[in-house]
C-alpha atoms as a PDB file:
ATOM      1  CA  MET A   1       0.064   0.073   0.119  1.00  0.00           C
ATOM      2  CA  ARG A   2       1.124   3.463  -0.573  1.00  0.00           C
ATOM      3  CA  TYR A   3       0.748   6.208   1.712  1.00  0.00           C
ATOM      4  CA  LEU A   4       0.860   9.988   1.490  1.00  0.00           C
ATOM      5  CA  ALA A   5       1.803  11.722   4.927  1.00  0.00           C
ATOM      6  CA  ILE A   6       0.761  15.330   5.478  1.00  0.00           C
ATOM      7  CA  ASP A   7       2.228  17.823   7.907  1.00  0.00           C
ATOM      8  CA  LEU A   8      -0.663  19.897   8.287  1.00  0.00           C
ATOM      9  CA  GLY A   9       0.593  23.752   9.084  1.00  0.00           C
ATOM     10  CA  ASP A  10      -0.876  27.292   9.491  1.00  0.00           C
ATOM     11  CA  LYS A  11       1.245  28.738   6.360  1.00  0.00           C
ATOM     12  CA  ARG A  12       2.950  25.288   4.875  1.00  0.00           C
ATOM     13  CA  THR A  13       1.785  21.916   4.733  1.00  0.00           C
ATOM     14  CA  GLY A  14       4.480  18.999   4.046  1.00  0.00           C
ATOM     15  CA  LEU A  15       4.159  16.044   2.171  1.00  0.00           C
ATOM     16  CA  ALA A  16       6.170  12.626   1.926  1.00  0.00           C
ATOM     17  CA  LEU A  17       5.623   9.293   0.161  1.00  0.00           C
ATOM     18  CA  GLY A  18       6.041   5.751   1.461  1.00  0.00           C
ATOM     19  CA  ASP A  19       4.964   2.290   0.997  1.00  0.00           C
ATOM     20  CA  SER A  20       4.251  -0.577   3.243  1.00  0.00           C
ATOM     21  CA  ILE A  21       6.520  -2.801   1.465  1.00  0.00           C
ATOM     22  CA  THR A  22       9.947  -0.775   1.627  1.00  0.00           C
ATOM     23  CA  ARG A  23       8.943   1.135   4.652  1.00  0.00           C
ATOM     24  CA  LEU A  24      10.850   4.011   3.491  1.00  0.00           C
ATOM     25  CA  ALA A  25       9.359   7.545   3.887  1.00  0.00           C
ATOM     26  CA  THR A  26      10.336  10.365   1.476  1.00  0.00           C
ATOM     27  CA  PRO A  27       9.677  14.277   1.627  1.00  0.00           C
ATOM     28  CA  VAL A  28       8.297  15.052  -1.680  1.00  0.00           C
ATOM     29  CA  ARG A  29       6.969  18.493  -1.561  1.00  0.00           C
ATOM     30  CA  VAL A  30       5.655  21.689   0.552  1.00  0.00           C
ATOM     31  CA  LEU A  31       2.328  23.267  -0.124  1.00  0.00           C
ATOM     32  CA  GLU A  32       2.929  27.086   0.838  1.00  0.00           C
ATOM     33  CA  VAL A  33      -1.012  27.621   1.211  1.00  0.00           C
ATOM     34  CA  PRO A  34      -2.341  28.859   4.581  1.00  0.00           C
ATOM     35  CA  ILE A  35      -4.830  27.058   6.116  1.00  0.00           C
ATOM     36  CA  ALA A  36      -7.060  29.749   6.717  1.00  0.00           C
ATOM     37  CA  ALA A  37      -7.343  30.660   2.823  1.00  0.00           C
ATOM     38  CA  ARG A  38     -11.048  30.660   1.688  1.00  0.00           C
ATOM     39  CA  GLU A  39     -11.650  29.087   5.044  1.00  0.00           C
ATOM     40  CA  GLY A  40      -9.589  26.133   4.039  1.00  0.00           C
ATOM     41  CA  GLU A  41     -10.979  25.471   0.811  1.00  0.00           C
ATOM     42  CA  GLN A  42      -7.774  26.543  -1.008  1.00  0.00           C
ATOM     43  CA  LEU A  43      -5.459  24.083   0.899  1.00  0.00           C
ATOM     44  CA  LEU A  44      -8.177  21.459   0.106  1.00  0.00           C
ATOM     45  CA  ASP A  45      -7.775  22.230  -3.585  1.00  0.00           C
ATOM     46  CA  ALA A  46      -4.151  22.198  -3.249  1.00  0.00           C
ATOM     47  CA  LEU A  47      -4.184  19.019  -1.366  1.00  0.00           C
ATOM     48  CA  ALA A  48      -6.365  17.043  -3.527  1.00  0.00           C
ATOM     49  CA  ALA A  49      -4.405  18.103  -6.783  1.00  0.00           C
ATOM     50  CA  ALA A  50      -1.094  16.694  -4.764  1.00  0.00           C
ATOM     51  CA  ILE A  51      -3.203  13.297  -3.757  1.00  0.00           C
ATOM     52  CA  ASP A  52      -4.065  12.993  -7.337  1.00  0.00           C
ATOM     53  CA  ASP A  53      -0.613  13.744  -8.870  1.00  0.00           C
ATOM     54  CA  LEU A  54       1.377  11.795  -5.906  1.00  0.00           C
ATOM     55  CA  LEU A  55      -0.780   8.916  -5.137  1.00  0.00           C
ATOM     56  CA  GLY A  56      -2.834   7.980  -8.463  1.00  0.00           C
ATOM     57  CA  PRO A  57      -6.133   6.284  -7.987  1.00  0.00           C
ATOM     58  CA  THR A  58      -4.953   4.133  -5.269  1.00  0.00           C
ATOM     59  CA  GLY A  59      -3.319   4.986  -1.646  1.00  0.00           C
ATOM     60  CA  GLU A  60      -3.950   6.342   1.526  1.00  0.00           C
ATOM     61  CA  LEU A  61      -3.516   9.166   3.625  1.00  0.00           C
ATOM     62  CA  VAL A  62      -1.635   9.685   6.774  1.00  0.00           C
ATOM     63  CA  ILE A  63      -1.898  12.808   8.819  1.00  0.00           C
ATOM     64  CA  GLY A  64       0.277  14.074  11.335  1.00  0.00           C
ATOM     65  CA  LEU A  65      -2.048  14.500  14.659  1.00  0.00           C
ATOM     66  CA  PRO A  66      -0.686  17.252  17.321  1.00  0.00           C
ATOM     67  CA  LEU A  67      -0.667  15.398  20.555  1.00  0.00           C
ATOM     68  CA  ASN A  68       0.357  17.268  23.751  1.00  0.00           C
ATOM     69  CA  MET A  69       3.643  15.836  25.336  1.00  0.00           C
ATOM     70  CA  ASP A  70       1.667  13.781  27.969  1.00  0.00           C
ATOM     71  CA  GLY A  71      -0.316  12.250  24.780  1.00  0.00           C
ATOM     72  CA  THR A  72      -3.820  14.343  25.324  1.00  0.00           C
ATOM     73  CA  GLU A  73      -5.395  16.242  22.530  1.00  0.00           C
ATOM     74  CA  GLY A  74      -5.516  19.835  22.601  1.00  0.00           C
ATOM     75  CA  PRO A  75      -7.019  22.648  20.557  1.00  0.00           C
ATOM     76  CA  ARG A  76      -5.047  22.052  17.694  1.00  0.00           C
ATOM     77  CA  ALA A  77      -5.417  18.099  17.259  1.00  0.00           C
ATOM     78  CA  LYS A  78      -9.167  19.404  17.293  1.00  0.00           C
ATOM     79  CA  ILE A  79      -8.444  21.521  14.147  1.00  0.00           C
ATOM     80  CA  VAL A  80      -6.318  18.873  12.598  1.00  0.00           C
ATOM     81  CA  ARG A  81      -9.185  16.557  12.945  1.00  0.00           C
ATOM     82  CA  ALA A  82     -11.934  18.738  11.746  1.00  0.00           C
ATOM     83  CA  PHE A  83      -9.523  19.461   8.617  1.00  0.00           C
ATOM     84  CA  ALA A  84      -9.121  15.646   8.114  1.00  0.00           C
ATOM     85  CA  ALA A  85     -12.665  14.900   7.920  1.00  0.00           C
ATOM     86  CA  ARG A  86     -13.088  17.321   5.376  1.00  0.00           C
ATOM     87  CA  LEU A  87      -9.974  16.113   3.118  1.00  0.00           C
ATOM     88  CA  ALA A  88     -11.108  12.559   3.673  1.00  0.00           C
ATOM     89  CA  SER A  89     -14.689  13.373   2.788  1.00  0.00           C
ATOM     90  CA  ARG A  90     -13.351  15.364  -0.670  1.00  0.00           C
ATOM     91  CA  THR A  91     -10.952  12.453  -1.738  1.00  0.00           C
ATOM     92  CA  ALA A  92     -12.819   9.620  -0.614  1.00  0.00           C
ATOM     93  CA  ARG A  93      -9.476   8.114   0.354  1.00  0.00           C
ATOM     94  CA  PRO A  94      -8.989   6.230   3.833  1.00  0.00           C
ATOM     95  CA  LEU A  95      -7.506   8.149   6.198  1.00  0.00           C
ATOM     96  CA  HIS A  96      -4.851   7.441   9.004  1.00  0.00           C
ATOM     97  CA  PHE A  97      -3.515   9.648  11.903  1.00  0.00           C
ATOM     98  CA  SER A  98      -0.017   9.453  13.323  1.00  0.00           C
ATOM     99  CA  ASP A  99       1.504  10.964  16.306  1.00  0.00           C
ATOM    100  CA  GLU A 100       3.667  14.032  15.148  1.00  0.00           C
ATOM    101  CA  ARG A 101       5.134  15.027  18.525  1.00  0.00           C
ATOM    102  CA  LEU A 102       8.607  16.162  18.010  1.00  0.00           C
ATOM    103  CA  THR A 103       8.756  15.507  14.210  1.00  0.00           C
ATOM    104  CA  SER A 104       9.427  19.172  13.372  1.00  0.00           C
ATOM    105  CA  ASP A 105      12.276  19.236  15.782  1.00  0.00           C
ATOM    106  CA  ALA A 106      13.808  15.880  14.103  1.00  0.00           C
ATOM    107  CA  ALA A 107      13.741  17.774  10.894  1.00  0.00           C
ATOM    108  CA  ASP A 108      15.389  20.931  12.178  1.00  0.00           C
ATOM    109  CA  LYS A 109      17.843  18.522  13.542  1.00  0.00           C
ATOM    110  CA  ALA A 110      18.474  16.695  10.439  1.00  0.00           C
ATOM    111  CA  LEU A 111      18.832  19.907   8.593  1.00  0.00           C
ATOM    112  CA  ALA A 112      20.833  21.749  11.198  1.00  0.00           C
ATOM    113  CA  ARG A 113      24.546  20.845   9.370  1.00  0.00           C
ATOM    114  CA  SER A 114      23.436  20.578   6.235  1.00  0.00           C
ATOM    115  CA  GLY A 115      24.873  23.649   4.543  1.00  0.00           C
ATOM    116  CA  LEU A 116      21.572  25.093   3.283  1.00  0.00           C
ATOM    117  CA  THR A 117      20.478  28.603   3.988  1.00  0.00           C
ATOM    118  CA  HIS A 118      17.706  29.574   6.241  1.00  0.00           C
ATOM    119  CA  LYS A 119      15.285  30.190   3.407  1.00  0.00           C
ATOM    120  CA  GLN A 120      16.272  26.593   1.869  1.00  0.00           C
ATOM    121  CA  LYS A 121      15.989  24.797   5.220  1.00  0.00           C
ATOM    122  CA  LYS A 122      12.527  26.341   5.623  1.00  0.00           C
ATOM    123  CA  GLU A 123      11.243  25.481   2.233  1.00  0.00           C
ATOM    124  CA  ARG A 124      12.370  21.728   3.130  1.00  0.00           C
ATOM    125  CA  ARG A 125      11.318  21.568   6.723  1.00  0.00           C
ATOM    126  CA  ASP A 126       7.694  20.563   6.533  1.00  0.00           C
ATOM    127  CA  ALA A 127       8.140  17.702   4.196  1.00  0.00           C
ATOM    128  CA  ILE A 128      10.831  16.417   6.374  1.00  0.00           C
ATOM    129  CA  ALA A 129       8.589  16.394   9.318  1.00  0.00           C
ATOM    130  CA  ALA A 130       5.822  14.643   6.910  1.00  0.00           C
ATOM    131  CA  ALA A 131       8.596  11.803   6.085  1.00  0.00           C
ATOM    132  CA  ARG A 132       9.086  11.703  10.012  1.00  0.00           C
ATOM    133  CA  ILE A 133       5.291  11.083  10.679  1.00  0.00           C
ATOM    134  CA  LEU A 134       4.890   8.402   7.788  1.00  0.00           C
ATOM    135  CA  ASP A 135       8.159   6.439   9.690  1.00  0.00           C
ATOM    136  CA  GLY A 136       6.395   6.558  12.715  1.00  0.00           C
ATOM    137  CA  PHE A 137       3.044   5.187  10.982  1.00  0.00           C
ATOM    138  CA  LEU A 138       4.840   2.636   9.103  1.00  0.00           C
ATOM    139  CA  ALA A 139       6.642   1.367  11.925  1.00  0.00           C
ATOM    140  CA  ALA A 140       3.461   0.947  13.990  1.00  0.00           C
ATOM    141  CA  GLN A 141       2.247  -1.057  11.062  1.00  0.00           C
ATOM    142  CA  GLN A 142       4.704  -3.889  11.969  1.00  0.00           C
END
């Protein structure tokens, strides 16, 4: 099974691809569409197009769920769940949630000594975080 991981952000949304056979997750793209644009419709449009482009007719979605450090869900998790429900309805694809705690921190550490400029790091960070989300999801599937 192929999966597209989504690291949903206020300004940028990271995407990563992976599959259940190789269990490898690869950062692929960052969508620079604010979640608030047209009440989320602009990001839904961009995600639907990216999903069709990257997954084709089959494949499932994995959305990073921002849990508190104690494992509970806060206000941000509720926003992500509501947006994910809209995306699942729009794309008619199976959707899974995966804990995204510390994925952005892991992405920052991976980029720390890359030699990239601040702008280049910023452009890649969310896709790398999405790959970390997918890594966790695939590891939990074993």
